Amino acid sequence: MLDPGSNSELPAIPAKRYFTIGEVSELCQVKPHVLRYWETEFPSLKPVKRRGNRRYYQRHDVLTIRQIRSLLYEEGFTITGARQRLEGEGNRQDAGLSAQIVRQVRMELEEVLQLLKR
């Protein structure tokens, strides 16, 4: 089984409005072709498409991808199981996303604190 690491090892999400597929690939430690495949399997994952069919992901997309990654790689769900988990349990999904957002904000605040201590 793949072991790309846990969410705590993922880099902080920069304060940007849109991210390219390459940036999301690095932020989530998932290859671009996997992201494109997940778009076909998870209806909640819909990046904005612009000129030349280029994908632009927003912060909520990155958080969703991290949640999908966690379900598949860390918790051992199948694609079908992960999709059902995301679709069927809205409250639990919201709680999971909220926990990810709290972790992310905490990491960002710790980085700011380190910068201020310099």
N, C-alpha and C. Protein backbone atom coordinates (compact mmCIF):
# COMPACT_ATOMS: atom_id res chain seq x y z
N MET A 1 0.84 -1.19 0.00
CA MET A 1 0.00 0.00 0.00
C MET A 1 0.88 1.25 0.00
N LEU A 2 0.43 2.29 -0.64
CA LEU A 2 1.17 3.53 -0.69
C LEU A 2 1.21 4.17 0.68
N ASP A 3 2.33 4.81 1.01
CA ASP A 3 2.45 5.49 2.28
C ASP A 3 3.03 6.88 2.07
N PRO A 4 2.25 7.81 1.49
CA PRO A 4 2.75 9.15 1.23
C PRO A 4 2.92 9.99 2.49
N GLY A 5 2.61 9.48 3.65
CA GLY A 5 2.75 10.25 4.88
C GLY A 5 1.42 10.77 5.36
N SER A 6 1.41 11.34 6.53
CA SER A 6 0.15 11.83 7.09
C SER A 6 -0.06 13.30 6.77
N ASN A 7 -1.27 13.78 7.03
CA ASN A 7 -1.61 15.18 6.76
C ASN A 7 -0.70 16.14 7.52
N SER A 8 -0.21 15.73 8.70
CA SER A 8 0.61 16.63 9.48
C SER A 8 1.94 16.92 8.78
N GLU A 9 2.34 16.09 7.83
CA GLU A 9 3.59 16.29 7.11
C GLU A 9 3.40 17.10 5.83
N LEU A 10 2.17 17.39 5.48
CA LEU A 10 1.91 18.14 4.26
C LEU A 10 2.27 19.61 4.48
N PRO A 11 2.74 20.28 3.42
CA PRO A 11 3.09 21.69 3.57
C PRO A 11 1.86 22.56 3.82
N ALA A 12 2.10 23.71 4.42
CA ALA A 12 1.02 24.67 4.68
C ALA A 12 0.47 25.19 3.35
N ILE A 13 -0.82 25.47 3.34
CA ILE A 13 -1.46 25.99 2.13
C ILE A 13 -1.25 27.50 2.11
N PRO A 14 -0.59 28.03 1.08
CA PRO A 14 -0.36 29.49 1.03
C PRO A 14 -1.67 30.27 0.94
N ALA A 15 -1.61 31.51 1.34
CA ALA A 15 -2.78 32.39 1.30
C ALA A 15 -2.96 32.91 -0.13
N LYS A 16 -3.53 32.08 -0.99
CA LYS A 16 -3.79 32.44 -2.38
C LYS A 16 -5.22 32.07 -2.70
N ARG A 17 -5.76 32.69 -3.73
CA ARG A 17 -7.13 32.37 -4.13
C ARG A 17 -7.19 31.13 -5.02
N TYR A 18 -6.25 31.02 -5.97
CA TYR A 18 -6.25 29.91 -6.91
C TYR A 18 -4.90 29.22 -6.94
N PHE A 19 -4.93 27.91 -7.19
CA PHE A 19 -3.73 27.09 -7.26
C PHE A 19 -3.76 26.29 -8.56
N THR A 20 -2.60 26.16 -9.20
CA THR A 20 -2.52 25.33 -10.41
C THR A 20 -2.46 23.86 -9.99
N ILE A 21 -2.63 22.98 -10.95
CA ILE A 21 -2.59 21.55 -10.65
C ILE A 21 -1.21 21.15 -10.12
N GLY A 22 -0.16 21.79 -10.63
CA GLY A 22 1.19 21.51 -10.14
C GLY A 22 1.37 21.90 -8.68
N GLU A 23 0.83 23.07 -8.32
CA GLU A 23 0.91 23.52 -6.93
C GLU A 23 0.13 22.61 -6.01
N VAL A 24 -1.06 22.20 -6.43
CA VAL A 24 -1.89 21.32 -5.62
C VAL A 24 -1.20 19.95 -5.48
N SER A 25 -0.58 19.51 -6.55
CA SER A 25 0.15 18.25 -6.52
C SER A 25 1.22 18.28 -5.42
N GLU A 26 1.95 19.39 -5.33
CA GLU A 26 2.99 19.53 -4.31
C GLU A 26 2.38 19.68 -2.91
N LEU A 27 1.32 20.47 -2.79
CA LEU A 27 0.69 20.72 -1.49
C LEU A 27 0.08 19.45 -0.89
N CYS A 28 -0.42 18.57 -1.77
CA CYS A 28 -1.11 17.37 -1.31
C CYS A 28 -0.27 16.11 -1.49
N GLN A 29 0.89 16.25 -2.08
CA GLN A 29 1.79 15.12 -2.35
C GLN A 29 1.07 14.00 -3.11
N VAL A 30 0.41 14.43 -4.19
CA VAL A 30 -0.31 13.53 -5.09
C VAL A 30 0.04 13.96 -6.51
N LYS A 31 0.31 13.00 -7.39
CA LYS A 31 0.68 13.35 -8.76
C LYS A 31 -0.50 13.96 -9.52
N PRO A 32 -0.19 14.85 -10.50
CA PRO A 32 -1.27 15.51 -11.26
C PRO A 32 -2.24 14.56 -11.93
N HIS A 33 -1.75 13.43 -12.46
CA HIS A 33 -2.68 12.50 -13.12
C HIS A 33 -3.65 11.88 -12.13
N VAL A 34 -3.21 11.74 -10.88
CA VAL A 34 -4.10 11.22 -9.83
C VAL A 34 -5.18 12.25 -9.52
N LEU A 35 -4.80 13.53 -9.48
CA LEU A 35 -5.79 14.59 -9.24
C LEU A 35 -6.84 14.61 -10.35
N ARG A 36 -6.39 14.48 -11.60
CA ARG A 36 -7.35 14.47 -12.72
C ARG A 36 -8.29 13.27 -12.62
N TYR A 37 -7.75 12.13 -12.21
CA TYR A 37 -8.59 10.93 -12.04
C TYR A 37 -9.60 11.15 -10.91
N TRP A 38 -9.15 11.70 -9.80
CA TRP A 38 -10.05 11.94 -8.67
C TRP A 38 -11.18 12.87 -9.06
N GLU A 39 -10.93 13.81 -9.96
CA GLU A 39 -12.00 14.71 -10.42
C GLU A 39 -13.13 13.92 -11.06
N THR A 40 -12.79 12.82 -11.74
CA THR A 40 -13.82 12.00 -12.39
C THR A 40 -14.56 11.12 -11.38
N GLU A 41 -13.94 10.83 -10.25
CA GLU A 41 -14.51 9.91 -9.27
C GLU A 41 -15.24 10.60 -8.11
N PHE A 42 -14.88 11.85 -7.83
CA PHE A 42 -15.46 12.56 -6.70
C PHE A 42 -16.18 13.81 -7.19
N PRO A 43 -17.52 13.78 -7.21
CA PRO A 43 -18.30 14.91 -7.72
C PRO A 43 -18.04 16.22 -6.97
N SER A 44 -17.63 16.15 -5.72
CA SER A 44 -17.39 17.37 -4.94
C SER A 44 -16.12 18.09 -5.37
N LEU A 45 -15.30 17.43 -6.17
CA LEU A 45 -14.04 18.00 -6.61
C LEU A 45 -14.20 18.57 -8.01
N LYS A 46 -14.41 19.88 -8.09
CA LYS A 46 -14.62 20.54 -9.38
C LYS A 46 -13.81 21.82 -9.45
N PRO A 47 -12.57 21.73 -9.94
CA PRO A 47 -11.78 22.97 -10.07
C PRO A 47 -12.34 23.85 -11.19
N VAL A 48 -12.07 25.14 -11.08
CA VAL A 48 -12.46 26.09 -12.12
C VAL A 48 -11.59 25.82 -13.33
N LYS A 49 -12.19 25.81 -14.51
CA LYS A 49 -11.39 25.63 -15.73
C LYS A 49 -11.44 26.92 -16.53
N ARG A 50 -10.26 27.35 -16.96
CA ARG A 50 -10.16 28.59 -17.74
C ARG A 50 -9.48 28.31 -19.06
N ARG A 51 -8.88 29.36 -19.63
CA ARG A 51 -8.21 29.26 -20.93
C ARG A 51 -7.51 27.93 -21.14
N GLY A 52 -7.71 27.36 -22.31
CA GLY A 52 -7.02 26.13 -22.66
C GLY A 52 -7.34 24.97 -21.72
N ASN A 53 -8.50 25.03 -21.06
CA ASN A 53 -8.93 23.97 -20.16
C ASN A 53 -8.00 23.81 -18.95
N ARG A 54 -7.30 24.90 -18.57
CA ARG A 54 -6.40 24.85 -17.41
C ARG A 54 -7.22 24.82 -16.13
N ARG A 55 -6.78 24.00 -15.20
CA ARG A 55 -7.48 23.84 -13.93
C ARG A 55 -6.93 24.84 -12.91
N TYR A 56 -7.85 25.44 -12.16
CA TYR A 56 -7.47 26.30 -11.05
C TYR A 56 -8.27 25.86 -9.83
N TYR A 57 -7.55 25.39 -8.83
CA TYR A 57 -8.16 24.89 -7.61
C TYR A 57 -8.24 26.01 -6.58
N GLN A 58 -9.30 25.97 -5.77
CA GLN A 58 -9.43 26.92 -4.67
C GLN A 58 -9.08 26.21 -3.37
N ARG A 59 -8.97 26.99 -2.30
CA ARG A 59 -8.55 26.45 -1.01
C ARG A 59 -9.44 25.27 -0.57
N HIS A 60 -10.75 25.40 -0.75
CA HIS A 60 -11.64 24.30 -0.34
C HIS A 60 -11.38 23.04 -1.16
N ASP A 61 -10.97 23.20 -2.43
CA ASP A 61 -10.61 22.03 -3.25
C ASP A 61 -9.37 21.34 -2.67
N VAL A 62 -8.39 22.14 -2.26
CA VAL A 62 -7.15 21.58 -1.70
C VAL A 62 -7.47 20.81 -0.41
N LEU A 63 -8.33 21.37 0.42
CA LEU A 63 -8.73 20.69 1.66
C LEU A 63 -9.48 19.40 1.35
N THR A 64 -10.35 19.43 0.34
CA THR A 64 -11.07 18.22 -0.06
C THR A 64 -10.10 17.16 -0.56
N ILE A 65 -9.13 17.56 -1.36
CA ILE A 65 -8.13 16.62 -1.88
C ILE A 65 -7.34 16.00 -0.74
N ARG A 66 -6.98 16.82 0.23
CA ARG A 66 -6.25 16.28 1.39
C ARG A 66 -7.12 15.28 2.16
N GLN A 67 -8.41 15.55 2.23
CA GLN A 67 -9.30 14.62 2.91
C GLN A 67 -9.42 13.31 2.12
N ILE A 68 -9.57 13.42 0.80
CA ILE A 68 -9.62 12.22 -0.05
C ILE A 68 -8.33 11.42 0.11
N ARG A 69 -7.21 12.12 0.06
CA ARG A 69 -5.90 11.47 0.19
C ARG A 69 -5.81 10.71 1.52
N SER A 70 -6.27 11.34 2.58
CA SER A 70 -6.25 10.71 3.90
C SER A 70 -7.12 9.46 3.93
N LEU A 71 -8.33 9.57 3.37
CA LEU A 71 -9.24 8.42 3.34
C LEU A 71 -8.63 7.25 2.57
N LEU A 72 -8.03 7.55 1.42
CA LEU A 72 -7.50 6.49 0.56
C LEU A 72 -6.18 5.92 1.07
N TYR A 73 -5.25 6.79 1.40
CA TYR A 73 -3.88 6.34 1.70
C TYR A 73 -3.66 6.00 3.17
N GLU A 74 -4.34 6.71 4.07
CA GLU A 74 -4.09 6.50 5.49
C GLU A 74 -5.13 5.61 6.15
N GLU A 75 -6.40 5.78 5.75
CA GLU A 75 -7.46 5.01 6.38
C GLU A 75 -7.82 3.75 5.59
N GLY A 76 -7.26 3.60 4.38
CA GLY A 76 -7.44 2.38 3.61
C GLY A 76 -8.77 2.23 2.89
N PHE A 77 -9.48 3.32 2.68
CA PHE A 77 -10.75 3.26 1.95
C PHE A 77 -10.50 2.96 0.48
N THR A 78 -11.49 2.35 -0.16
CA THR A 78 -11.47 2.25 -1.62
C THR A 78 -12.02 3.55 -2.18
N ILE A 79 -11.91 3.74 -3.50
CA ILE A 79 -12.47 4.95 -4.13
C ILE A 79 -13.97 5.03 -3.82
N THR A 80 -14.67 3.92 -4.00
CA THR A 80 -16.11 3.88 -3.75
C THR A 80 -16.42 4.21 -2.30
N GLY A 81 -15.69 3.62 -1.38
CA GLY A 81 -15.90 3.87 0.04
C GLY A 81 -15.63 5.31 0.42
N ALA A 82 -14.56 5.87 -0.14
CA ALA A 82 -14.21 7.26 0.14
C ALA A 82 -15.29 8.19 -0.41
N ARG A 83 -15.78 7.88 -1.63
CA ARG A 83 -16.83 8.71 -2.23
C ARG A 83 -18.08 8.67 -1.36
N GLN A 84 -18.48 7.48 -0.91
CA GLN A 84 -19.67 7.35 -0.06
C GLN A 84 -19.47 8.09 1.26
N ARG A 85 -18.27 8.02 1.79
CA ARG A 85 -17.98 8.71 3.05
C ARG A 85 -18.12 10.22 2.88
N LEU A 86 -17.60 10.74 1.77
CA LEU A 86 -17.68 12.17 1.52
C LEU A 86 -19.10 12.62 1.21
N GLU A 87 -19.84 11.83 0.44
CA GLU A 87 -21.19 12.22 0.02
C GLU A 87 -22.23 11.95 1.09
N GLY A 88 -22.14 10.80 1.73
CA GLY A 88 -23.20 10.33 2.61
C GLY A 88 -23.18 10.87 4.02
N GLU A 89 -22.06 11.39 4.43
CA GLU A 89 -21.96 11.83 5.81
C GLU A 89 -21.56 13.29 5.84
N GLY A 90 -22.48 14.15 5.44
CA GLY A 90 -22.21 15.58 5.35
C GLY A 90 -21.71 16.19 6.64
N ASN A 91 -22.34 15.85 7.77
CA ASN A 91 -21.92 16.42 9.05
C ASN A 91 -20.52 15.96 9.41
N ARG A 92 -20.26 14.69 9.19
CA ARG A 92 -18.93 14.17 9.52
C ARG A 92 -17.89 14.78 8.59
N GLN A 93 -18.26 14.96 7.31
CA GLN A 93 -17.35 15.59 6.35
C GLN A 93 -17.05 17.01 6.80
N ASP A 94 -18.08 17.75 7.20
CA ASP A 94 -17.88 19.11 7.68
C ASP A 94 -16.95 19.13 8.89
N ALA A 95 -17.14 18.17 9.79
CA ALA A 95 -16.28 18.10 10.96
C ALA A 95 -14.84 17.78 10.55
N GLY A 96 -14.68 16.88 9.58
CA GLY A 96 -13.34 16.54 9.10
C GLY A 96 -12.67 17.73 8.44
N LEU A 97 -13.43 18.44 7.60
CA LEU A 97 -12.87 19.64 6.96
C LEU A 97 -12.56 20.71 8.00
N SER A 98 -13.43 20.85 9.00
CA SER A 98 -13.19 21.83 10.06
C SER A 98 -11.91 21.50 10.81
N ALA A 99 -11.70 20.23 11.11
CA ALA A 99 -10.48 19.83 11.80
C ALA A 99 -9.25 20.11 10.94
N GLN A 100 -9.36 19.87 9.63
CA GLN A 100 -8.24 20.16 8.73
C GLN A 100 -7.97 21.66 8.68
N ILE A 101 -9.03 22.46 8.64
CA ILE A 101 -8.87 23.91 8.60
C ILE A 101 -8.21 24.40 9.88
N VAL A 102 -8.63 23.87 11.01
CA VAL A 102 -8.03 24.26 12.29
C VAL A 102 -6.55 23.90 12.31
N ARG A 103 -6.21 22.69 11.86
CA ARG A 103 -4.79 22.29 11.81
C ARG A 103 -3.99 23.22 10.89
N GLN A 104 -4.58 23.54 9.74
CA GLN A 104 -3.90 24.39 8.76
C GLN A 104 -3.67 25.79 9.33
N VAL A 105 -4.70 26.37 9.94
CA VAL A 105 -4.58 27.71 10.51
C VAL A 105 -3.54 27.70 11.63
N ARG A 106 -3.54 26.66 12.42
CA ARG A 106 -2.56 26.56 13.50
C ARG A 106 -1.14 26.52 12.95
N MET A 107 -0.92 25.72 11.90
CA MET A 107 0.41 25.66 11.28
C MET A 107 0.82 27.03 10.75
N GLU A 108 -0.12 27.71 10.09
CA GLU A 108 0.18 29.03 9.53
C GLU A 108 0.49 30.03 10.64
N LEU A 109 -0.26 29.97 11.74
CA LEU A 109 0.00 30.89 12.85
C LEU A 109 1.35 30.60 13.50
N GLU A 110 1.72 29.33 13.59
CA GLU A 110 3.02 28.98 14.14
C GLU A 110 4.14 29.51 13.25
N GLU A 111 3.92 29.45 11.93
CA GLU A 111 4.92 30.00 11.00
C GLU A 111 5.05 31.51 11.18
N VAL A 112 3.92 32.20 11.34
CA VAL A 112 3.95 33.65 11.56
C VAL A 112 4.67 33.95 12.87
N LEU A 113 4.40 33.18 13.90
CA LEU A 113 5.05 33.38 15.18
C LEU A 113 6.56 33.23 15.05
N GLN A 114 6.99 32.23 14.31
CA GLN A 114 8.43 32.02 14.09
C GLN A 114 9.04 33.22 13.35
N LEU A 115 8.32 33.74 12.37
CA LEU A 115 8.81 34.92 11.65
C LEU A 115 8.91 36.14 12.57
N LEU A 116 7.94 36.29 13.45
CA LEU A 116 7.93 37.43 14.36
C LEU A 116 9.04 37.33 15.42
N LYS A 117 9.43 36.12 15.76
CA LYS A 117 10.48 35.93 16.76
C LYS A 117 11.87 36.28 16.23
N ARG A 118 12.01 36.34 14.91
CA ARG A 118 13.32 36.63 14.32
C ARG A 118 13.77 38.04 14.60
